[in-house]
Amino acid sequence: MNTLRNRVQLIGNLGGDPEVITFDSGKTKANFSLATKEVYKKENGDYETETQWHKLVAWNNTAKIAEKILKKGNEVAIEGKLTSRSYEDKNGNKKYITEVVVNELLLLKSSKKEENDK
């Protein structure tokens, strides 16, 4: 158990194309969202699908890879770490954000639109 660490692994579908920013310093950042689904059986026997949305951020080379290969609807596997931060909005209200900082990503399946375009 001495190897436990902050590690997140998710498989899901992208909610949109990555939004990529390149800073004056040369660093690159990609923001994107991932939907994961869980299906479970309710007491009455019906099946229920629950979707969770996750905010993801990738930096530098990982961000550049995300920009090149990821598109809305793609099924991807990611590994990263969970981070939380807060900020004040323009009205002075404190806002909290939890996101996954992506270290690795793997394209599992292209979106249906991309497959039809081929």
N, C-alpha and C. Protein backbone atom coordinates (compact mmCIF):
# COMPACT_ATOMS: atom_id res chain seq x y z
N MET A 1 0.80 -1.20 0.00
CA MET A 1 0.00 0.00 0.00
C MET A 1 0.85 1.27 0.00
N ASN A 2 2.14 1.12 0.03
CA ASN A 2 2.98 2.31 0.04
C ASN A 2 3.03 2.99 -1.33
N THR A 3 2.40 2.42 -2.33
CA THR A 3 2.42 3.03 -3.66
C THR A 3 1.12 3.77 -3.98
N LEU A 4 0.22 3.92 -2.99
CA LEU A 4 -1.01 4.67 -3.23
C LEU A 4 -0.68 6.11 -3.56
N ARG A 5 -1.44 6.65 -4.52
CA ARG A 5 -1.22 8.04 -4.91
C ARG A 5 -2.49 8.57 -5.55
N ASN A 6 -2.50 9.83 -5.85
CA ASN A 6 -3.63 10.49 -6.49
C ASN A 6 -3.64 10.09 -7.96
N ARG A 7 -4.53 9.17 -8.32
CA ARG A 7 -4.56 8.65 -9.69
C ARG A 7 -6.01 8.41 -10.11
N VAL A 8 -6.35 8.88 -11.30
CA VAL A 8 -7.69 8.74 -11.84
C VAL A 8 -7.59 8.09 -13.21
N GLN A 9 -8.43 7.10 -13.46
CA GLN A 9 -8.53 6.47 -14.79
C GLN A 9 -10.00 6.52 -15.20
N LEU A 10 -10.25 7.04 -16.39
CA LEU A 10 -11.62 7.16 -16.90
C LEU A 10 -11.68 6.71 -18.34
N ILE A 11 -12.81 6.12 -18.72
CA ILE A 11 -13.11 5.82 -20.11
C ILE A 11 -14.48 6.42 -20.38
N GLY A 12 -14.56 7.23 -21.42
CA GLY A 12 -15.83 7.87 -21.75
C GLY A 12 -15.77 8.54 -23.10
N ASN A 13 -16.77 9.39 -23.36
CA ASN A 13 -16.88 10.09 -24.63
C ASN A 13 -16.70 11.58 -24.43
N LEU A 14 -15.99 12.20 -25.39
CA LEU A 14 -15.74 13.63 -25.31
C LEU A 14 -17.01 14.42 -25.57
N GLY A 15 -17.22 15.45 -24.75
CA GLY A 15 -18.38 16.32 -24.90
C GLY A 15 -18.18 17.39 -25.96
N GLY A 16 -16.96 17.61 -26.39
CA GLY A 16 -16.65 18.61 -27.40
C GLY A 16 -15.19 18.51 -27.79
N ASP A 17 -14.83 19.23 -28.84
CA ASP A 17 -13.41 19.27 -29.24
C ASP A 17 -12.61 19.97 -28.13
N PRO A 18 -11.36 19.58 -27.93
CA PRO A 18 -10.53 20.27 -26.94
C PRO A 18 -10.36 21.75 -27.29
N GLU A 19 -10.43 22.60 -26.29
CA GLU A 19 -10.15 24.03 -26.45
C GLU A 19 -8.70 24.24 -26.06
N VAL A 20 -7.88 24.66 -27.02
CA VAL A 20 -6.43 24.74 -26.81
C VAL A 20 -5.98 26.20 -26.76
N ILE A 21 -5.13 26.48 -25.79
CA ILE A 21 -4.55 27.81 -25.62
C ILE A 21 -3.03 27.66 -25.59
N THR A 22 -2.32 28.50 -26.33
CA THR A 22 -0.86 28.54 -26.25
C THR A 22 -0.49 29.87 -25.61
N PHE A 23 0.24 29.82 -24.51
CA PHE A 23 0.62 31.02 -23.77
C PHE A 23 1.90 31.63 -24.35
N ASP A 24 2.14 32.88 -24.01
CA ASP A 24 3.35 33.58 -24.46
C ASP A 24 4.62 32.84 -24.05
N SER A 25 4.54 32.14 -22.92
CA SER A 25 5.70 31.39 -22.42
C SER A 25 6.01 30.16 -23.27
N GLY A 26 5.06 29.79 -24.17
CA GLY A 26 5.24 28.61 -24.99
C GLY A 26 4.49 27.40 -24.47
N LYS A 27 3.97 27.48 -23.23
CA LYS A 27 3.20 26.37 -22.69
C LYS A 27 1.85 26.27 -23.41
N THR A 28 1.36 25.04 -23.56
CA THR A 28 0.09 24.78 -24.21
C THR A 28 -0.84 24.09 -23.22
N LYS A 29 -2.10 24.52 -23.23
CA LYS A 29 -3.11 23.96 -22.34
C LYS A 29 -4.35 23.58 -23.15
N ALA A 30 -4.88 22.39 -22.91
CA ALA A 30 -6.12 21.94 -23.56
C ALA A 30 -7.16 21.66 -22.49
N ASN A 31 -8.36 22.22 -22.66
CA ASN A 31 -9.49 21.94 -21.78
C ASN A 31 -10.52 21.16 -22.57
N PHE A 32 -11.07 20.12 -21.95
CA PHE A 32 -12.14 19.36 -22.59
C PHE A 32 -12.93 18.62 -21.53
N SER A 33 -14.10 18.10 -21.92
CA SER A 33 -14.94 17.40 -20.96
C SER A 33 -15.16 15.96 -21.42
N LEU A 34 -15.39 15.11 -20.46
CA LEU A 34 -15.57 13.68 -20.72
C LEU A 34 -16.82 13.20 -19.99
N ALA A 35 -17.67 12.47 -20.69
CA ALA A 35 -18.87 11.89 -20.09
C ALA A 35 -18.64 10.41 -19.83
N THR A 36 -18.89 9.99 -18.60
CA THR A 36 -18.85 8.57 -18.28
C THR A 36 -20.27 8.14 -17.92
N LYS A 37 -20.60 6.90 -18.24
CA LYS A 37 -21.95 6.40 -17.98
C LYS A 37 -21.90 5.16 -17.11
N GLU A 38 -22.88 5.09 -16.22
CA GLU A 38 -23.04 3.92 -15.37
C GLU A 38 -24.48 3.44 -15.50
N VAL A 39 -24.65 2.16 -15.76
CA VAL A 39 -25.99 1.58 -15.89
C VAL A 39 -26.21 0.68 -14.69
N TYR A 40 -27.36 0.87 -14.04
CA TYR A 40 -27.68 0.02 -12.90
C TYR A 40 -29.16 -0.34 -12.93
N LYS A 41 -29.49 -1.40 -12.21
CA LYS A 41 -30.86 -1.89 -12.16
C LYS A 41 -31.56 -1.33 -10.92
N LYS A 42 -32.72 -0.73 -11.12
CA LYS A 42 -33.50 -0.18 -10.01
C LYS A 42 -34.30 -1.30 -9.34
N GLU A 43 -34.88 -0.99 -8.19
CA GLU A 43 -35.63 -1.98 -7.43
C GLU A 43 -36.79 -2.56 -8.24
N ASN A 44 -37.41 -1.75 -9.12
CA ASN A 44 -38.56 -2.22 -9.90
C ASN A 44 -38.13 -3.04 -11.13
N GLY A 45 -36.82 -3.22 -11.33
CA GLY A 45 -36.32 -4.02 -12.44
C GLY A 45 -35.92 -3.23 -13.67
N ASP A 46 -36.30 -1.95 -13.71
CA ASP A 46 -35.91 -1.10 -14.83
C ASP A 46 -34.43 -0.74 -14.73
N TYR A 47 -33.84 -0.50 -15.88
CA TYR A 47 -32.44 -0.08 -15.91
C TYR A 47 -32.36 1.44 -15.99
N GLU A 48 -31.44 2.00 -15.27
CA GLU A 48 -31.23 3.45 -15.24
C GLU A 48 -29.80 3.74 -15.69
N THR A 49 -29.65 4.77 -16.51
CA THR A 49 -28.32 5.20 -16.95
C THR A 49 -28.02 6.54 -16.30
N GLU A 50 -26.88 6.62 -15.66
CA GLU A 50 -26.46 7.86 -15.01
C GLU A 50 -25.18 8.35 -15.69
N THR A 51 -25.20 9.60 -16.12
CA THR A 51 -24.04 10.19 -16.80
C THR A 51 -23.35 11.17 -15.86
N GLN A 52 -22.06 11.06 -15.76
CA GLN A 52 -21.23 12.01 -14.99
C GLN A 52 -20.33 12.76 -15.96
N TRP A 53 -20.23 14.08 -15.79
CA TRP A 53 -19.35 14.89 -16.62
C TRP A 53 -18.10 15.25 -15.83
N HIS A 54 -16.95 15.11 -16.49
CA HIS A 54 -15.66 15.39 -15.85
C HIS A 54 -14.93 16.47 -16.64
N LYS A 55 -14.39 17.46 -15.92
CA LYS A 55 -13.57 18.49 -16.56
C LYS A 55 -12.14 17.97 -16.62
N LEU A 56 -11.54 18.06 -17.81
CA LEU A 56 -10.17 17.59 -18.00
C LEU A 56 -9.29 18.72 -18.49
N VAL A 57 -8.04 18.71 -18.09
CA VAL A 57 -7.06 19.66 -18.59
C VAL A 57 -5.78 18.90 -18.90
N ALA A 58 -5.17 19.22 -20.03
CA ALA A 58 -3.89 18.61 -20.43
C ALA A 58 -2.91 19.73 -20.73
N TRP A 59 -1.65 19.49 -20.48
CA TRP A 59 -0.62 20.50 -20.66
C TRP A 59 0.43 20.04 -21.67
N ASN A 60 1.02 20.99 -22.34
CA ASN A 60 2.17 20.83 -23.22
C ASN A 60 2.00 19.71 -24.25
N ASN A 61 2.88 18.69 -24.26
CA ASN A 61 2.80 17.65 -25.29
C ASN A 61 1.47 16.91 -25.28
N THR A 62 0.96 16.63 -24.09
CA THR A 62 -0.33 15.93 -24.00
C THR A 62 -1.44 16.81 -24.58
N ALA A 63 -1.36 18.11 -24.35
CA ALA A 63 -2.35 19.04 -24.92
C ALA A 63 -2.25 19.07 -26.44
N LYS A 64 -1.04 19.04 -26.96
CA LYS A 64 -0.85 19.05 -28.42
C LYS A 64 -1.39 17.76 -29.06
N ILE A 65 -1.18 16.64 -28.39
CA ILE A 65 -1.71 15.37 -28.87
C ILE A 65 -3.23 15.41 -28.84
N ALA A 66 -3.79 15.90 -27.75
CA ALA A 66 -5.26 16.00 -27.64
C ALA A 66 -5.83 16.85 -28.76
N GLU A 67 -5.17 17.96 -29.07
CA GLU A 67 -5.63 18.85 -30.13
C GLU A 67 -5.63 18.14 -31.49
N LYS A 68 -4.62 17.31 -31.73
CA LYS A 68 -4.49 16.64 -33.03
C LYS A 68 -5.45 15.48 -33.22
N ILE A 69 -5.69 14.68 -32.16
CA ILE A 69 -6.41 13.43 -32.37
C ILE A 69 -7.82 13.38 -31.78
N LEU A 70 -8.14 14.26 -30.84
CA LEU A 70 -9.43 14.16 -30.17
C LEU A 70 -10.49 15.05 -30.80
N LYS A 71 -11.68 14.51 -30.95
CA LYS A 71 -12.84 15.22 -31.50
C LYS A 71 -14.07 14.87 -30.67
N LYS A 72 -15.04 15.74 -30.70
CA LYS A 72 -16.30 15.52 -30.00
C LYS A 72 -16.86 14.13 -30.34
N GLY A 73 -17.28 13.41 -29.32
CA GLY A 73 -17.87 12.09 -29.51
C GLY A 73 -16.89 10.94 -29.43
N ASN A 74 -15.57 11.21 -29.56
CA ASN A 74 -14.58 10.14 -29.46
C ASN A 74 -14.68 9.42 -28.12
N GLU A 75 -14.46 8.11 -28.15
CA GLU A 75 -14.32 7.37 -26.91
C GLU A 75 -12.84 7.33 -26.58
N VAL A 76 -12.50 7.77 -25.38
CA VAL A 76 -11.09 7.83 -24.98
C VAL A 76 -10.91 7.26 -23.58
N ALA A 77 -9.68 6.82 -23.34
CA ALA A 77 -9.26 6.41 -22.00
C ALA A 77 -8.23 7.44 -21.56
N ILE A 78 -8.36 7.89 -20.32
CA ILE A 78 -7.38 8.86 -19.81
C ILE A 78 -6.89 8.39 -18.44
N GLU A 79 -5.68 8.85 -18.13
CA GLU A 79 -5.15 8.66 -16.80
C GLU A 79 -4.57 10.00 -16.37
N GLY A 80 -4.80 10.34 -15.12
CA GLY A 80 -4.30 11.61 -14.62
C GLY A 80 -4.45 11.69 -13.11
N LYS A 81 -4.46 12.93 -12.60
CA LYS A 81 -4.63 13.13 -11.16
C LYS A 81 -5.75 14.15 -10.93
N LEU A 82 -6.44 13.98 -9.83
CA LEU A 82 -7.55 14.84 -9.46
C LEU A 82 -7.01 16.08 -8.76
N THR A 83 -7.46 17.25 -9.22
CA THR A 83 -7.04 18.51 -8.60
C THR A 83 -8.27 19.37 -8.31
N SER A 84 -8.15 20.22 -7.31
CA SER A 84 -9.21 21.16 -6.96
C SER A 84 -8.59 22.54 -6.80
N ARG A 85 -9.37 23.55 -7.18
CA ARG A 85 -8.91 24.94 -7.01
C ARG A 85 -10.13 25.82 -6.84
N SER A 86 -9.90 27.05 -6.41
CA SER A 86 -11.00 27.99 -6.26
C SER A 86 -10.58 29.35 -6.80
N TYR A 87 -11.57 30.16 -7.11
CA TYR A 87 -11.33 31.52 -7.58
C TYR A 87 -12.56 32.36 -7.27
N GLU A 88 -12.42 33.68 -7.38
CA GLU A 88 -13.54 34.58 -7.19
C GLU A 88 -14.03 35.05 -8.55
N ASP A 89 -15.35 34.96 -8.78
CA ASP A 89 -15.89 35.44 -10.04
C ASP A 89 -16.00 36.96 -10.01
N LYS A 90 -16.51 37.55 -11.09
CA LYS A 90 -16.55 39.01 -11.21
C LYS A 90 -17.47 39.65 -10.18
N ASN A 91 -18.37 38.85 -9.58
CA ASN A 91 -19.27 39.37 -8.53
C ASN A 91 -18.73 39.13 -7.13
N GLY A 92 -17.51 38.60 -7.04
CA GLY A 92 -16.89 38.36 -5.74
C GLY A 92 -17.31 37.05 -5.08
N ASN A 93 -18.02 36.19 -5.81
CA ASN A 93 -18.43 34.89 -5.27
C ASN A 93 -17.32 33.88 -5.45
N LYS A 94 -17.09 33.09 -4.43
CA LYS A 94 -16.06 32.07 -4.51
C LYS A 94 -16.60 30.87 -5.29
N LYS A 95 -15.84 30.43 -6.28
CA LYS A 95 -16.20 29.28 -7.11
C LYS A 95 -15.15 28.19 -6.92
N TYR A 96 -15.61 26.94 -6.98
CA TYR A 96 -14.72 25.80 -6.81
C TYR A 96 -14.74 24.94 -8.06
N ILE A 97 -13.59 24.46 -8.45
CA ILE A 97 -13.47 23.61 -9.64
C ILE A 97 -12.67 22.37 -9.26
N THR A 98 -13.19 21.23 -9.67
CA THR A 98 -12.45 19.97 -9.56
C THR A 98 -12.24 19.46 -10.97
N GLU A 99 -11.01 19.14 -11.31
CA GLU A 99 -10.70 18.67 -12.66
C GLU A 99 -9.63 17.60 -12.62
N VAL A 100 -9.53 16.88 -13.72
CA VAL A 100 -8.51 15.86 -13.86
C VAL A 100 -7.39 16.41 -14.74
N VAL A 101 -6.17 16.42 -14.24
CA VAL A 101 -5.01 16.80 -15.04
C VAL A 101 -4.53 15.53 -15.73
N VAL A 102 -4.65 15.51 -17.07
CA VAL A 102 -4.39 14.31 -17.86
C VAL A 102 -2.90 14.13 -18.09
N ASN A 103 -2.41 12.94 -17.77
CA ASN A 103 -1.02 12.58 -18.05
C ASN A 103 -0.90 11.71 -19.29
N GLU A 104 -1.90 10.85 -19.48
CA GLU A 104 -1.89 9.94 -20.63
C GLU A 104 -3.29 9.86 -21.22
N LEU A 105 -3.36 9.70 -22.53
CA LEU A 105 -4.65 9.51 -23.17
C LEU A 105 -4.52 8.53 -24.31
N LEU A 106 -5.62 7.85 -24.58
CA LEU A 106 -5.65 6.83 -25.63
C LEU A 106 -6.99 6.92 -26.34
N LEU A 107 -6.95 7.14 -27.66
CA LEU A 107 -8.16 7.17 -28.46
C LEU A 107 -8.62 5.73 -28.66
N LEU A 108 -9.82 5.43 -28.20
CA LEU A 108 -10.35 4.06 -28.33
C LEU A 108 -11.24 3.91 -29.55
N LYS A 109 -12.07 4.92 -29.82
CA LYS A 109 -13.02 4.83 -30.92
C LYS A 109 -13.30 6.23 -31.44
N SER A 110 -13.28 6.40 -32.76
CA SER A 110 -13.63 7.68 -33.37
C SER A 110 -15.13 7.88 -33.27
N SER A 111 -15.56 9.14 -33.42
CA SER A 111 -16.99 9.43 -33.39
C SER A 111 -17.64 8.87 -34.65
N LYS A 112 -18.94 8.69 -34.60
CA LYS A 112 -19.68 8.15 -35.75
C LYS A 112 -19.54 9.05 -36.96
N LYS A 113 -19.54 10.37 -36.74
CA LYS A 113 -19.42 11.32 -37.86
C LYS A 113 -18.08 11.15 -38.55
N GLU A 114 -17.00 11.00 -37.78
CA GLU A 114 -15.66 10.81 -38.37
C GLU A 114 -15.60 9.52 -39.18
N GLU A 115 -16.23 8.46 -38.66
CA GLU A 115 -16.21 7.18 -39.37
C GLU A 115 -17.00 7.28 -40.68
N ASN A 116 -18.09 8.05 -40.70
CA ASN A 116 -18.89 8.21 -41.91
C ASN A 116 -18.16 9.06 -42.95
N ASP A 117 -17.29 9.97 -42.50
CA ASP A 117 -16.55 10.85 -43.40
C ASP A 117 -15.44 10.09 -44.13
N LYS A 118 -15.06 8.91 -43.64
CA LYS A 118 -13.94 8.15 -44.23
C LYS A 118 -14.38 7.44 -45.48
